């Protein structure tokens, strides 16, 4: 039986976000067993979401990493110009 949908959100992404926000997003994604990362916004938001998606399933130490599972899908939306 498919599991029910639930959502989590991370706010506060500004232009050129700090690494702390991405780390917070990784912890949120892991704690909620995220299946998809869905950024809504511009380039910085999407870059932060990519870092969160990468961190969700990897362990990295000073330039080395190993994936523990396939990366989750990362969908994105951006304003139409």
Protein backbone atom coordinates (compact mmCIF):
# COMPACT_ATOMS: atom_id res chain seq x y z
CA UNK A 1 0.00 0.00 0.00
CA UNK A 2 1.43 3.43 -0.91
CA UNK A 3 2.30 5.64 1.99
CA UNK A 4 0.45 8.89 2.61
CA UNK A 5 1.88 12.18 1.37
CA UNK A 6 3.41 14.57 3.82
CA UNK A 7 5.39 17.74 3.28
CA UNK A 8 8.15 19.64 5.01
CA UNK A 9 9.48 23.05 4.21
CA UNK A 10 12.66 25.01 4.61
CA UNK A 11 12.48 28.79 4.43
CA UNK A 12 15.07 31.49 4.47
CA UNK A 13 17.09 30.90 1.34
CA UNK A 14 18.57 34.18 0.19
CA UNK A 15 20.94 35.06 -2.62
CA UNK A 16 24.23 33.18 -2.13
CA UNK A 17 23.00 31.10 0.83
CA UNK A 18 25.37 29.97 3.56
CA UNK A 19 26.27 26.27 3.96
CA UNK A 20 24.38 26.15 7.25
CA UNK A 21 21.05 26.42 5.45
CA UNK A 22 21.93 23.48 3.18
CA UNK A 23 22.99 21.44 6.22
CA UNK A 24 19.71 22.28 7.93
CA UNK A 25 17.89 21.13 4.79
CA UNK A 26 19.84 17.86 4.71
CA UNK A 27 18.87 17.14 8.31
CA UNK A 28 15.24 17.99 7.56
CA UNK A 29 15.24 15.74 4.48
CA UNK A 30 16.81 12.86 6.40
CA UNK A 31 14.50 13.25 9.40
CA UNK A 32 11.44 13.20 7.13
CA UNK A 33 12.72 10.47 4.79
CA UNK A 34 12.30 12.81 1.79
CA UNK A 35 11.46 11.21 -1.53
CA UNK A 36 11.71 14.43 -3.53
CA UNK A 37 13.26 17.85 -3.11
CA UNK A 38 11.13 20.58 -4.71
CA UNK A 39 12.71 24.03 -4.81
CA UNK A 40 10.47 26.93 -5.73
CA UNK A 41 12.35 30.07 -6.61
CA UNK A 42 15.41 31.33 -8.40
CA UNK A 43 18.96 30.15 -8.88
CA UNK A 44 20.12 30.28 -5.26
CA UNK A 45 17.08 28.30 -4.13
CA UNK A 46 17.76 25.67 -6.79
CA UNK A 47 21.46 25.50 -5.94
CA UNK A 48 20.64 25.02 -2.27
CA UNK A 49 18.13 22.28 -3.17
CA UNK A 50 20.78 20.47 -5.22
CA UNK A 51 23.13 20.54 -2.24
CA UNK A 52 20.34 19.22 0.00
CA UNK A 53 19.51 16.42 -2.45
CA UNK A 54 23.18 15.47 -2.66
CA UNK A 55 23.62 15.53 1.09
CA UNK A 56 20.42 13.58 1.70
CA UNK A 57 22.00 10.35 0.48
CA UNK A 58 25.73 10.86 0.80
CA UNK A 59 28.33 11.08 3.47
CA UNK A 60 31.15 13.39 2.57
CA UNK A 61 34.41 14.18 4.31
CA UNK A 62 36.79 16.71 2.81
CA UNK A 63 36.23 16.00 -0.86
CA UNK A 64 35.38 12.30 -0.69
CA UNK A 65 31.87 10.92 -0.67
CA UNK A 66 29.94 7.72 -1.04
CA UNK A 67 26.30 7.30 -1.96
CA UNK A 68 24.26 5.12 0.35
CA UNK A 69 21.25 5.05 -1.98
CA UNK A 70 20.11 6.54 -5.29
CA UNK A 71 19.63 10.30 -5.18
CA UNK A 72 16.03 11.47 -4.77
CA UNK A 73 14.37 13.19 -7.67
CA UNK A 74 14.91 16.92 -7.63
CA UNK A 75 12.20 18.83 -9.43
CA UNK A 76 12.34 22.56 -9.87
CA UNK A 77 10.25 25.50 -10.84
CA UNK A 78 11.41 28.93 -11.85
CA UNK A 79 9.76 32.09 -13.00
CA UNK A 80 9.01 32.25 -16.70
CA UNK A 81 10.83 35.25 -18.14
